[in-house]
PDB file of N, CA and C in Angstrom:
ATOM      1  N   UNK A   1     -16.904 123.013 -97.524  1.00  0.00           N
ATOM      2  CA  UNK A   1     -17.506 122.649 -96.222  1.00  0.00           C
ATOM      3  C   UNK A   1     -18.199 123.534 -95.414  1.00  0.00           C
ATOM      4  N   UNK A   2     -19.018 123.587 -94.694  1.00  0.00           N
ATOM      5  CA  UNK A   2     -19.583 124.748 -93.982  1.00  0.00           C
ATOM      6  C   UNK A   2     -20.678 125.566 -94.564  1.00  0.00           C
ATOM      7  N   UNK A   3     -20.323 126.288 -95.640  1.00  0.00           N
ATOM      8  CA  UNK A   3     -21.463 126.890 -96.594  1.00  0.00           C
ATOM      9  C   UNK A   3     -22.607 126.405 -96.826  1.00  0.00           C
ATOM     10  N   UNK A   4     -22.441 125.228 -97.496  1.00  0.00           N
ATOM     11  CA  UNK A   4     -23.948 124.620 -97.880  1.00  0.00           C
ATOM     12  C   UNK A   4     -24.406 123.997 -96.758  1.00  0.00           C
ATOM     13  N   UNK A   5     -23.919 123.881 -95.584  1.00  0.00           N
ATOM     14  CA  UNK A   5     -24.591 123.336 -94.358  1.00  0.00           C
ATOM     15  C   UNK A   5     -25.090 124.372 -93.212  1.00  0.00           C
ATOM     16  N   UNK A   6     -24.709 125.520 -93.492  1.00  0.00           N
ATOM     17  CA  UNK A   6     -24.883 126.683 -92.620  1.00  0.00           C
ATOM     18  C   UNK A   6     -26.494 126.753 -91.971  1.00  0.00           C
ATOM     19  N   UNK A   7     -27.164 126.471 -93.203  1.00  0.00           N
ATOM     20  CA  UNK A   7     -28.626 126.381 -92.995  1.00  0.00           C
ATOM     21  C   UNK A   7     -28.963 125.485 -91.498  1.00  0.00           C
ATOM     22  N   UNK A   8     -28.232 124.545 -91.084  1.00  0.00           N
ATOM     23  CA  UNK A   8     -28.829 123.442 -90.191  1.00  0.00           C
ATOM     24  C   UNK A   8     -28.676 124.127 -88.786  1.00  0.00           C
ATOM     25  N   UNK A   9     -27.862 125.371 -88.654  1.00  0.00           N
ATOM     26  CA  UNK A   9     -27.724 125.945 -87.695  1.00  0.00           C
ATOM     27  C   UNK A   9     -28.725 127.107 -87.124  1.00  0.00           C
ATOM     28  N   UNK A  10     -29.698 126.834 -86.475  1.00  0.00           N
ATOM     29  CA  UNK A  10     -30.737 127.717 -86.181  1.00  0.00           C
ATOM     30  C   UNK A  10     -30.790 128.163 -84.771  1.00  0.00           C
ATOM     31  N   UNK A  11     -31.566 129.442 -84.501  1.00  0.00           N
ATOM     32  CA  UNK A  11     -31.570 130.058 -83.206  1.00  0.00           C
ATOM     33  C   UNK A  11     -31.648 129.105 -82.107  1.00  0.00           C
ATOM     34  N   UNK A  12     -32.344 128.199 -82.238  1.00  0.00           N
ATOM     35  CA  UNK A  12     -32.743 127.267 -81.077  1.00  0.00           C
ATOM     36  C   UNK A  12     -31.631 126.104 -81.068  1.00  0.00           C
ATOM     37  N   UNK A  13     -31.156 125.567 -82.047  1.00  0.00           N
ATOM     38  CA  UNK A  13     -30.372 124.415 -82.047  1.00  0.00           C
ATOM     39  C   UNK A  13     -29.419 124.160 -83.493  1.00  0.00           C
ATOM     40  N   UNK A  14     -28.992 123.071 -83.523  1.00  0.00           N
ATOM     41  CA  UNK A  14     -28.200 122.548 -84.871  1.00  0.00           C
ATOM     42  C   UNK A  14     -29.354 121.556 -85.105  1.00  0.00           C
ATOM     43  N   UNK A  15     -29.912 121.556 -86.376  1.00  0.00           N
ATOM     44  CA  UNK A  15     -30.876 120.607 -87.000  1.00  0.00           C
ATOM     45  C   UNK A  15     -30.139 119.490 -88.107  1.00  0.00           C
ATOM     46  N   UNK A  16     -29.376 118.867 -87.876  1.00  0.00           N
ATOM     47  CA  UNK A  16     -28.609 117.837 -88.761  1.00  0.00           C
ATOM     48  C   UNK A  16     -27.393 117.579 -88.428  1.00  0.00           C
ATOM     49  N   UNK A  17     -26.640 116.781 -89.196  1.00  0.00           N
ATOM     50  CA  UNK A  17     -25.557 116.178 -88.909  1.00  0.00           C
ATOM     51  C   UNK A  17     -24.278 116.904 -89.025  1.00  0.00           C
ATOM     52  N   UNK A  18     -23.137 116.949 -88.487  1.00  0.00           N
ATOM     53  CA  UNK A  18     -21.948 117.992 -88.550  1.00  0.00           C
ATOM     54  C   UNK A  18     -21.395 117.606 -89.861  1.00  0.00           C
ATOM     55  N   UNK A  19     -20.507 118.626 -90.305  1.00  0.00           N
ATOM     56  CA  UNK A  19     -19.695 118.003 -91.594  1.00  0.00           C
ATOM     57  C   UNK A  19     -18.672 117.163 -91.302  1.00  0.00           C
ATOM     58  N   UNK A  20     -17.909 117.004 -90.158  1.00  0.00           N
ATOM     59  CA  UNK A  20     -16.920 116.208 -89.607  1.00  0.00           C
ATOM     60  C   UNK A  20     -17.062 115.700 -88.502  1.00  0.00           C
ATOM     61  N   UNK A  21     -16.637 114.096 -88.138  1.00  0.00           N
ATOM     62  CA  UNK A  21     -16.510 113.635 -86.775  1.00  0.00           C
ATOM     63  C   UNK A  21     -15.236 112.758 -86.856  1.00  0.00           C
ATOM     64  N   UNK A  22     -14.390 113.147 -85.644  1.00  0.00           N
ATOM     65  CA  UNK A  22     -13.301 112.526 -85.738  1.00  0.00           C
ATOM     66  C   UNK A  22     -13.166 111.701 -84.654  1.00  0.00           C
ATOM     67  N   UNK A  23     -12.822 110.632 -84.591  1.00  0.00           N
ATOM     68  CA  UNK A  23     -12.529 109.523 -83.677  1.00  0.00           C
ATOM     69  C   UNK A  23     -11.330 109.231 -83.501  1.00  0.00           C
ATOM     70  N   UNK A  24     -10.981 109.290 -82.105  1.00  0.00           N
ATOM     71  CA  UNK A  24      -9.320 109.082 -81.892  1.00  0.00           C
ATOM     72  C   UNK A  24      -9.568 107.577 -81.401  1.00  0.00           C
ATOM     73  N   UNK A  25      -8.656 106.746 -81.989  1.00  0.00           N
ATOM     74  CA  UNK A  25      -8.697 105.373 -81.873  1.00  0.00           C
ATOM     75  C   UNK A  25      -7.703 104.837 -80.697  1.00  0.00           C
ATOM     76  N   UNK A  26      -8.393 103.970 -79.874  1.00  0.00           N
ATOM     77  CA  UNK A  26      -7.500 102.845 -78.739  1.00  0.00           C
ATOM     78  C   UNK A  26      -7.730 101.848 -79.061  1.00  0.00           C
ATOM     79  N   UNK A  27      -6.954 100.697 -78.501  1.00  0.00           N
ATOM     80  CA  UNK A  27      -6.912  99.228 -78.853  1.00  0.00           C
ATOM     81  C   UNK A  27      -8.582  98.801 -78.430  1.00  0.00           C
ATOM     82  N   UNK A  28      -9.167  99.542 -77.488  1.00  0.00           N
ATOM     83  CA  UNK A  28     -10.495  99.150 -76.995  1.00  0.00           C
ATOM     84  C   UNK A  28     -11.352  99.719 -77.897  1.00  0.00           C
ATOM     85  N   UNK A  29     -11.396 100.708 -78.597  1.00  0.00           N
ATOM     86  CA  UNK A  29     -12.306 101.157 -79.249  1.00  0.00           C
ATOM     87  C   UNK A  29     -12.258 101.187 -80.859  1.00  0.00           C
ATOM     88  N   UNK A  30     -11.119 100.772 -81.241  1.00  0.00           N
ATOM     89  CA  UNK A  30     -11.134 100.967 -82.636  1.00  0.00           C
ATOM     90  C   UNK A  30     -11.516  99.734 -83.464  1.00  0.00           C
ATOM     91  N   UNK A  31     -11.973  98.677 -83.334  1.00  0.00           N
ATOM     92  CA  UNK A  31     -13.127  97.957 -83.758  1.00  0.00           C
ATOM     93  C   UNK A  31     -14.596  98.504 -84.311  1.00  0.00           C
ATOM     94  N   UNK A  32     -14.885  99.362 -82.599  1.00  0.00           N
ATOM     95  CA  UNK A  32     -16.290  99.764 -82.944  1.00  0.00           C
ATOM     96  C   UNK A  32     -16.138 101.001 -83.574  1.00  0.00           C
ATOM     97  N   UNK A  33     -15.103 102.083 -83.657  1.00  0.00           N
ATOM     98  CA  UNK A  33     -15.123 103.319 -84.559  1.00  0.00           C
ATOM     99  C   UNK A  33     -14.924 103.063 -85.991  1.00  0.00           C
ATOM    100  N   UNK A  34     -14.173 101.830 -86.334  1.00  0.00           N
ATOM    101  CA  UNK A  34     -14.228 101.461 -87.847  1.00  0.00           C
ATOM    102  C   UNK A  34     -15.465 100.669 -88.310  1.00  0.00           C
ATOM    103  N   UNK A  35     -16.226 100.129 -87.408  1.00  0.00           N
ATOM    104  CA  UNK A  35     -17.487  99.417 -87.711  1.00  0.00           C
ATOM    105  C   UNK A  35     -18.487 100.139 -87.471  1.00  0.00           C
ATOM    106  N   UNK A  36     -19.141  99.983 -86.309  1.00  0.00           N
ATOM    107  CA  UNK A  36     -20.775 100.518 -85.854  1.00  0.00           C
ATOM    108  C   UNK A  36     -20.822 101.842 -86.074  1.00  0.00           C
ATOM    109  N   UNK A  37     -19.761 102.574 -85.500  1.00  0.00           N
ATOM    110  CA  UNK A  37     -19.860 104.333 -85.577  1.00  0.00           C
ATOM    111  C   UNK A  37     -19.771 104.774 -86.894  1.00  0.00           C
ATOM    112  N   UNK A  38     -18.973 104.079 -87.768  1.00  0.00           N
ATOM    113  CA  UNK A  38     -18.894 104.566 -88.993  1.00  0.00           C
ATOM    114  C   UNK A  38     -20.319 104.365 -89.919  1.00  0.00           C
ATOM    115  N   UNK A  39     -20.892 103.250 -89.607  1.00  0.00           N
ATOM    116  CA  UNK A  39     -21.855 102.864 -90.174  1.00  0.00           C
ATOM    117  C   UNK A  39     -22.915 103.959 -89.709  1.00  0.00           C
ATOM    118  N   UNK A  40     -23.093 104.234 -88.284  1.00  0.00           N
ATOM    119  CA  UNK A  40     -24.168 105.165 -87.848  1.00  0.00           C
ATOM    120  C   UNK A  40     -23.832 106.724 -88.295  1.00  0.00           C
ATOM    121  N   UNK A  41     -22.671 107.090 -88.610  1.00  0.00           N
ATOM    122  CA  UNK A  41     -22.445 108.338 -88.904  1.00  0.00           C
ATOM    123  C   UNK A  41     -22.746 108.342 -90.332  1.00  0.00           C
ATOM    124  N   UNK A  42     -22.607 107.361 -91.345  1.00  0.00           N
ATOM    125  CA  UNK A  42     -22.882 107.385 -92.658  1.00  0.00           C
ATOM    126  C   UNK A  42     -24.284 107.449 -92.835  1.00  0.00           C
ATOM    127  N   UNK A  43     -25.073 106.716 -92.273  1.00  0.00           N
ATOM    128  CA  UNK A  43     -26.637 106.645 -92.013  1.00  0.00           C
ATOM    129  C   UNK A  43     -27.099 108.025 -91.994  1.00  0.00           C
ATOM    130  N   UNK A  44     -26.606 108.849 -91.368  1.00  0.00           N
ATOM    131  CA  UNK A  44     -27.062 110.062 -90.507  1.00  0.00           C
ATOM    132  C   UNK A  44     -26.434 111.391 -91.397  1.00  0.00           C
ATOM    133  N   UNK A  45     -25.615 111.006 -92.454  1.00  0.00           N
ATOM    134  CA  UNK A  45     -25.106 111.956 -93.507  1.00  0.00           C
ATOM    135  C   UNK A  45     -24.055 112.804 -93.051  1.00  0.00           C
ATOM    136  N   UNK A  46     -23.140 112.379 -92.251  1.00  0.00           N
ATOM    137  CA  UNK A  46     -22.173 113.065 -91.996  1.00  0.00           C
ATOM    138  C   UNK A  46     -20.755 113.105 -92.996  1.00  0.00           C
ATOM    139  N   UNK A  47     -20.516 113.892 -93.729  1.00  0.00           N
ATOM    140  CA  UNK A  47     -19.805 113.964 -94.787  1.00  0.00           C
ATOM    141  C   UNK A  47     -18.308 113.313 -94.709  1.00  0.00           C
ATOM    142  N   UNK A  48     -17.869 113.899 -93.502  1.00  0.00           N
ATOM    143  CA  UNK A  48     -16.433 113.519 -93.632  1.00  0.00           C
ATOM    144  C   UNK A  48     -16.242 112.815 -92.267  1.00  0.00           C
ATOM    145  N   UNK A  49     -15.154 111.786 -92.483  1.00  0.00           N
ATOM    146  CA  UNK A  49     -14.920 110.947 -90.853  1.00  0.00           C
ATOM    147  C   UNK A  49     -13.533 110.784 -91.033  1.00  0.00           C
ATOM    148  N   UNK A  50     -13.076 111.182 -89.901  1.00  0.00           N
ATOM    149  CA  UNK A  50     -11.458 110.958 -89.581  1.00  0.00           C
ATOM    150  C   UNK A  50     -11.113 109.868 -88.709  1.00  0.00           C
ATOM    151  N   UNK A  51      -9.943 109.073 -88.855  1.00  0.00           N
ATOM    152  CA  UNK A  51      -9.731 107.969 -87.659  1.00  0.00           C
ATOM    153  C   UNK A  51      -8.027 108.445 -87.298  1.00  0.00           C
ATOM    154  N   UNK A  52      -8.311 108.888 -86.202  1.00  0.00           N
ATOM    155  CA  UNK A  52      -6.947 109.150 -85.787  1.00  0.00           C
ATOM    156  C   UNK A  52      -6.183 108.155 -84.869  1.00  0.00           C
ATOM    157  N   UNK A  53      -5.112 107.611 -85.038  1.00  0.00           N
ATOM    158  CA  UNK A  53      -4.435 106.547 -84.255  1.00  0.00           C
ATOM    159  C   UNK A  53      -3.196 106.995 -83.730  1.00  0.00           C
ATOM    160  N   UNK A  54      -3.173 107.612 -82.437  1.00  0.00           N
ATOM    161  CA  UNK A  54      -1.963 108.183 -81.796  1.00  0.00           C
ATOM    162  C   UNK A  54      -0.733 107.143 -81.766  1.00  0.00           C
ATOM    163  N   UNK A  55      -1.170 105.958 -81.405  1.00  0.00           N
ATOM    164  CA  UNK A  55       0.017 104.651 -81.359  1.00  0.00           C
ATOM    165  C   UNK A  55       0.664 104.475 -82.769  1.00  0.00           C
ATOM    166  N   UNK A  56      -0.244 104.464 -83.820  1.00  0.00           N
ATOM    167  CA  UNK A  56       0.386 104.250 -85.042  1.00  0.00           C
ATOM    168  C   UNK A  56       0.684 105.827 -85.761  1.00  0.00           C
ATOM    169  N   UNK A  57       0.294 106.971 -85.380  1.00  0.00           N
ATOM    170  CA  UNK A  57       0.692 108.165 -85.710  1.00  0.00           C
ATOM    171  C   UNK A  57       0.196 108.172 -87.219  1.00  0.00           C
ATOM    172  N   UNK A  58      -1.297 107.954 -87.367  1.00  0.00           N
ATOM    173  CA  UNK A  58      -1.696 107.989 -88.672  1.00  0.00           C
ATOM    174  C   UNK A  58      -3.064 108.661 -88.539  1.00  0.00           C
ATOM    175  N   UNK A  59      -3.509 109.481 -89.534  1.00  0.00           N
ATOM    176  CA  UNK A  59      -4.815 110.172 -89.512  1.00  0.00           C
ATOM    177  C   UNK A  59      -5.317 109.690 -90.925  1.00  0.00           C
ATOM    178  N   UNK A  60      -6.378 108.899 -90.890  1.00  0.00           N
ATOM    179  CA  UNK A  60      -7.315 108.227 -91.958  1.00  0.00           C
ATOM    180  C   UNK A  60      -8.497 109.151 -92.455  1.00  0.00           C
ATOM    181  N   UNK A  61      -8.343 109.789 -93.376  1.00  0.00           N
ATOM    182  CA  UNK A  61      -9.548 110.593 -93.901  1.00  0.00           C
ATOM    183  C   UNK A  61     -10.456 109.816 -94.944  1.00  0.00           C
ATOM    184  N   UNK A  62     -11.744 109.794 -94.487  1.00  0.00           N
ATOM    185  CA  UNK A  62     -12.770 109.380 -95.211  1.00  0.00           C
ATOM    186  C   UNK A  62     -13.519 110.386 -95.767  1.00  0.00           C
ATOM    187  N   UNK A  63     -14.312 110.288 -97.131  1.00  0.00           N
ATOM    188  CA  UNK A  63     -15.617 111.002 -97.273  1.00  0.00           C
ATOM    189  C   UNK A  63     -16.843 109.980 -97.657  1.00  0.00           C
ATOM    190  N   UNK A  64     -18.042 110.309 -97.327  1.00  0.00           N
ATOM    191  CA  UNK A  64     -19.329 109.881 -97.679  1.00  0.00           C
ATOM    192  C   UNK A  64     -19.467 109.979 -99.250  1.00  0.00           C
ATOM    193  N   UNK A  65     -19.505 108.859 -99.843  1.00  0.00           N
ATOM    194  CA  UNK A  65     -20.050 108.536-100.859  1.00  0.00           C
ATOM    195  C   UNK A  65     -21.022 107.325-101.172  1.00  0.00           C
ATOM    196  N   UNK A  66     -22.184 107.722-101.964  1.00  0.00           N
ATOM    197  CA  UNK A  66     -23.365 106.544-102.223  1.00  0.00           C
ATOM    198  C   UNK A  66     -23.598 105.854-100.781  1.00  0.00           C
ATOM    199  N   UNK A  67     -23.582 106.573 -99.804  1.00  0.00           N
ATOM    200  CA  UNK A  67     -23.997 106.046 -98.441  1.00  0.00           C
ATOM    201  C   UNK A  67     -22.778 105.264 -97.670  1.00  0.00           C
ATOM    202  N   UNK A  68     -21.543 105.278 -98.086  1.00  0.00           N
ATOM    203  CA  UNK A  68     -20.746 104.661 -97.309  1.00  0.00           C
ATOM    204  C   UNK A  68     -19.562 105.703 -97.226  1.00  0.00           C
ATOM    205  N   UNK A  69     -18.660 105.220 -96.668  1.00  0.00           N
ATOM    206  CA  UNK A  69     -17.220 106.150 -96.681  1.00  0.00           C
ATOM    207  C   UNK A  69     -16.206 105.358 -97.430  1.00  0.00           C
ATOM    208  N   UNK A  70     -15.526 106.109 -98.085  1.00  0.00           N
ATOM    209  CA  UNK A  70     -14.430 105.824 -99.136  1.00  0.00           C
ATOM    210  C   UNK A  70     -13.255 106.490 -98.625  1.00  0.00           C
ATOM    211  N   UNK A  71     -12.078 105.778 -98.436  1.00  0.00           N
ATOM    212  CA  UNK A  71     -10.879 106.289 -98.186  1.00  0.00           C
ATOM    213  C   UNK A  71     -10.459 107.231 -99.111  1.00  0.00           C
ATOM    214  N   UNK A  72      -9.938 108.352 -98.500  1.00  0.00           N
ATOM    215  CA  UNK A  72      -9.522 109.674 -99.391  1.00  0.00           C
ATOM    216  C   UNK A  72      -8.115 109.822 -99.160  1.00  0.00           C
ATOM    217  N   UNK A  73      -7.618 109.535 -98.196  1.00  0.00           N
ATOM    218  CA  UNK A  73      -6.044 109.731 -97.795  1.00  0.00           C
ATOM    219  C   UNK A  73      -5.679 109.109 -96.363  1.00  0.00           C
ATOM    220  N   UNK A  74      -4.570 108.948 -96.449  1.00  0.00           N
ATOM    221  CA  UNK A  74      -3.797 108.291 -95.208  1.00  0.00           C
ATOM    222  C   UNK A  74      -2.571 109.218 -94.860  1.00  0.00           C
ATOM    223  N   UNK A  75      -2.410 109.824 -93.691  1.00  0.00           N
ATOM    224  CA  UNK A  75      -1.110 110.335 -93.288  1.00  0.00           C
ATOM    225  C   UNK A  75      -0.691 110.027 -92.127  1.00  0.00           C
ATOM    226  N   UNK A  76       0.713 109.694 -92.429  1.00  0.00           N
ATOM    227  CA  UNK A  76       1.261 109.072 -91.269  1.00  0.00           C
ATOM    228  C   UNK A  76       2.597 109.697 -90.581  1.00  0.00           C
ATOM    229  N   UNK A  77       2.932 110.014 -89.569  1.00  0.00           N
ATOM    230  CA  UNK A  77       4.268 110.265 -88.894  1.00  0.00           C
ATOM    231  C   UNK A  77       4.161 111.694 -88.922  1.00  0.00           C
ATOM    232  N   UNK A  78       5.365 112.390 -89.296  1.00  0.00           N
ATOM    233  CA  UNK A  78       5.699 114.088 -89.069  1.00  0.00           C
ATOM    234  C   UNK A  78       5.509 114.702 -90.452  1.00  0.00           C
ATOM    235  N   UNK A  79       4.196 114.446 -90.779  1.00  0.00           N
ATOM    236  CA  UNK A  79       3.874 115.373 -92.191  1.00  0.00           C
ATOM    237  C   UNK A  79       3.016 116.738 -91.945  1.00  0.00           C
ATOM    238  N   UNK A  80       2.846 117.470 -92.781  1.00  0.00           N
ATOM    239  CA  UNK A  80       1.848 118.100 -93.046  1.00  0.00           C
ATOM    240  C   UNK A  80       0.583 117.968 -93.883  1.00  0.00           C
ATOM    241  N   UNK A  81      -0.348 117.911 -93.486  1.00  0.00           N
ATOM    242  CA  UNK A  81      -1.578 117.548 -94.377  1.00  0.00           C
ATOM    243  C   UNK A  81      -2.303 118.471 -95.011  1.00  0.00           C
ATOM    244  N   UNK A  82      -3.048 118.390 -96.104  1.00  0.00           N
ATOM    245  CA  UNK A  82      -4.154 119.277 -96.384  1.00  0.00           C
ATOM    246  C   UNK A  82      -5.470 118.204 -96.626  1.00  0.00           C
ATOM    247  N   UNK A  83      -6.373 118.442 -95.950  1.00  0.00           N
ATOM    248  CA  UNK A  83      -7.430 117.641 -96.073  1.00  0.00           C
ATOM    249  C   UNK A  83      -8.630 118.031 -96.929  1.00  0.00           C
ATOM    250  N   UNK A  84      -9.341 117.080 -97.627  1.00  0.00           N
ATOM    251  CA  UNK A  84     -10.712 117.860 -98.313  1.00  0.00           C
ATOM    252  C   UNK A  84     -11.632 118.536 -97.489  1.00  0.00           C
ATOM    253  N   UNK A  85     -11.765 118.295 -96.326  1.00  0.00           N
ATOM    254  CA  UNK A  85     -12.717 118.859 -95.493  1.00  0.00           C
ATOM    255  C   UNK A  85     -11.989 120.488 -95.194  1.00  0.00           C
ATOM    256  N   UNK A  86     -10.594 120.180 -95.070  1.00  0.00           N
ATOM    257  CA  UNK A  86     -10.216 121.706 -94.788  1.00  0.00           C
ATOM    258  C   UNK A  86      -9.096 121.934 -95.568  1.00  0.00           C
ATOM    259  N   UNK A  87      -9.360 122.238 -97.038  1.00  0.00           N
ATOM    260  CA  UNK A  87      -8.061 122.406 -98.030  1.00  0.00           C
ATOM    261  C   UNK A  87      -7.058 123.386 -97.796  1.00  0.00           C
ATOM    262  N   UNK A  88      -7.452 124.560 -97.074  1.00  0.00           N
ATOM    263  CA  UNK A  88      -6.524 125.816 -96.820  1.00  0.00           C
ATOM    264  C   UNK A  88      -5.892 125.655 -95.472  1.00  0.00           C
ATOM    265  N   UNK A  89      -6.299 124.591 -94.689  1.00  0.00           N
ATOM    266  CA  UNK A  89      -5.606 124.358 -93.432  1.00  0.00           C
ATOM    267  C   UNK A  89      -4.386 123.572 -93.627  1.00  0.00           C
ATOM    268  N   UNK A  90      -3.449 123.829 -93.085  1.00  0.00           N
ATOM    269  CA  UNK A  90      -2.197 122.777 -93.161  1.00  0.00           C
ATOM    270  C   UNK A  90      -1.856 122.286 -91.462  1.00  0.00           C
ATOM    271  N   UNK A  91      -2.380 121.266 -91.575  1.00  0.00           N
ATOM    272  CA  UNK A  91      -2.243 120.509 -90.182  1.00  0.00           C
ATOM    273  C   UNK A  91      -1.062 119.780 -89.957  1.00  0.00           C
ATOM    274  N   UNK A  92      -0.262 119.931 -89.143  1.00  0.00           N
ATOM    275  CA  UNK A  92       1.179 119.601 -88.855  1.00  0.00           C
ATOM    276  C   UNK A  92       1.077 118.417 -87.856  1.00  0.00           C
ATOM    277  N   UNK A  93       0.977 117.424 -88.259  1.00  0.00           N
ATOM    278  CA  UNK A  93       0.817 115.971 -87.575  1.00  0.00           C
ATOM    279  C   UNK A  93       1.649 115.868 -86.588  1.00  0.00           C
ATOM    280  N   UNK A  94       2.970 116.381 -86.747  1.00  0.00           N
ATOM    281  CA  UNK A  94       4.327 116.506 -86.035  1.00  0.00           C
ATOM    282  C   UNK A  94       3.820 116.858 -84.541  1.00  0.00           C
ATOM    283  N   UNK A  95       3.045 117.837 -84.656  1.00  0.00           N
ATOM    284  CA  UNK A  95       2.601 118.586 -83.115  1.00  0.00           C
ATOM    285  C   UNK A  95       1.550 117.818 -82.814  1.00  0.00           C
ATOM    286  N   UNK A  96       0.762 117.179 -83.469  1.00  0.00           N
ATOM    287  CA  UNK A  96      -0.367 116.199 -82.878  1.00  0.00           C
ATOM    288  C   UNK A  96       0.401 114.767 -81.991  1.00  0.00           C
ATOM    289  N   UNK A  97       1.360 114.592 -82.584  1.00  0.00           N
ATOM    290  CA  UNK A  97       1.926 113.099 -81.948  1.00  0.00           C
ATOM    291  C   UNK A  97       2.898 113.522 -80.944  1.00  0.00           C
TER     292      UNK A  97
END
């Protein structure tokens, strides 16, 4: 991630979608984040989409395939995860919750 999209960063602006969007779920936003927002991000070519649920202590990782998001992994609780978006990064979710 990053290298293939570096061309979208110009001197004037960023001309294209980000590699990753992270939504922090709340009871009021979960339905919109899982539905409408996911569709919009997919339509605009955001390759990776994460849903973080602080109450449920979960991180859901999705990747864009064929125009829709496919679940890649779900991490729950006090674990260290290595996502597809950042395989060399050890993300300690115990410090997030």
